[in-house]
């Protein structure tokens, strides 16, 4: 402290001013003038700041402060923490009066205030602030810092600027950078800091939201990748239930019953639970009689045994003509009784030579495949009564189903479309109906043989039926159907050998495209409402052995091409409106055993002599299938003669 006073005195002496005392040396020269002028400063501290603006240089800092004050009229140098800074001021010499007094007062304070060159004035005149705000930023100027603390920490090398401006007679010192770059301080307010923080927070919020969305999408993709294969595995496991071992051994009897019930269709389960006297409930009760054996069976075998047992109870199995081994728990269901022939094939083949030849390979197949699953169920002419249950369609491996010549209630179900392996269905005279041919039959695309004669079927013939390209046999006779033979579709049935549409309500004409069904062997469409003429394309059916079209409204001539068919055994066109001469029948008479021409009084000509010797017979009386006249029959009139009938 004493050194500082001596330095101050020395500075005054060097400036050519006498020093009367230490107080005079330290007192500012403009102190008295400042007292006389009106002041806007209300405190002693503000007065001290005004004195500093008049040229008073205050040098102070912390415990490590070392000062050297040399007054040469313009410059004060000080050293703070081993760093030198310069404050340059310009002021008249008269302003140094009383400098030592103020300097001593300043040094005597316990917490000295930095000189104006090292601190930002708390209050600047409005005019100076506007000037500073309007100054353009110089190249190389320091950027504005986010807050005052970081600015102070990073700008410790800043020095006072040399430019000085005067406001109200006071000198204001500005900062100067020792490096020579003169930055211009930009206005800094708390509002700017707040705006920046809000902008930064908004950006951070958007970033967080975006990251959250990305994370959510990633989680969903991971879950999909995990769950979809799991669902596929579950579906595969369910589909494989027919070949997997049951898990019933670890369950109680009640649990086993519930588990068995769960594999049945809803309709079957409903009947079991709601009607204890239903065939389904009795079949379910029969299954549970051997609950221990159920535990070792596959689901497919359980369903198969349940379906067969339901068929037995629903069709009065105790009254069947033959029911050997049925419902015997100790005998595999594949060894229960079935007919040895499909659709009475052997019997019908005697009536019509060539019928169903090559439909089955020799020997005939057994009921089940190597896995013990039913493929062929034949119970024709076995006195099945009651009603045909829907559970029959649970035998999903069936290839042939033959239940003809019985007397069951019901009709063909839409569930037939689920039998994807079905190749043949024979239900002649099996169902009382009424019913219809379901369109779903077209889904059983493997069908080769369909025989639904005399089942009281009504409605139209579905177009899906004609689209079964593998058809070998189609027999829909003796029903009350509607429709005609579709020209375009009959032409595509190139494998069709047997077409029986007798007395089924058929209308329209015989399309010429029938000649493209070159595999056709049996064509019967008698007792219908067919009109038009006999197409000459019938002569293209070289494999035919039967053409029966009697009882329709046909007109015109008998095509001569028919006389060239060498394999026909039966040709019946009686009861129509045919006219003209009878063709020579030169080739036809070699195999013909039935020629029926009566009921066409306008036919003319002569019956060939070779036909007169024909002794046609019918051996189908036992099945009552010989409904048309057989042998030779024609109208003996003045127009048609021969074989003992004279002509006019």
Foldseek 3Di string as FASTA:
>chain_A
DVVQLVQLCVQCVLQVHDDPDLQFSQAWLCPVVVVVDDDPDDDPVVVVLQLLLQPQAAADDDPPFDAHAHHPPWWGWGADPNDTATFTWHHDPSRSGSNSNNRVVQVPDPHHDHRLQVDPDPDDPPVVVVVLQPDDWDPPADDDDLDDVVVCVVPVQKHKDNDWDDDPNTIHTGIDHPVRDRGRDHDDDVVVSVVVVVVVVVVVVVVVVVVVVVVVVVVVVVVCVPVVVVVVVVVVVVVCQQPDQAPPPVDDLVVLLVVLLVVDDPVLSCCLVPPCPALSVVLSVLLSVPVVVVNGHGSLQSLQSSLQSSQCVQQVVVQWQAFPPRSPPVDQPLPTDADLDAPPVVVVCVQPPPPCPPVADPPHDGQDDPVSQGAEHHRAPTAGEHAGDPSNLVSLNYQEYHHAPYEYEDDDDLSCLSNQNHAEYAHHNNYQDAEADDLSPLSNLNYAYYAHEQHQYEEEDDPSVLQSLNHAEDAHANYQYEEEDDLVSLLSNLNYAYYHHDHHAHEEEDDLSNLNNLNHAYAAHAQYAYEEEDDLSVLSNLNYQYDAHANYAYEEEDHLSVLQRQRHAEDAHAQYAYAEEDHQSPNVLVRYQFYHHANHVRYADEHDPSLLPRHHDGPCVVVPPCPDDGRDYYDQDQGYDYSPRDHD
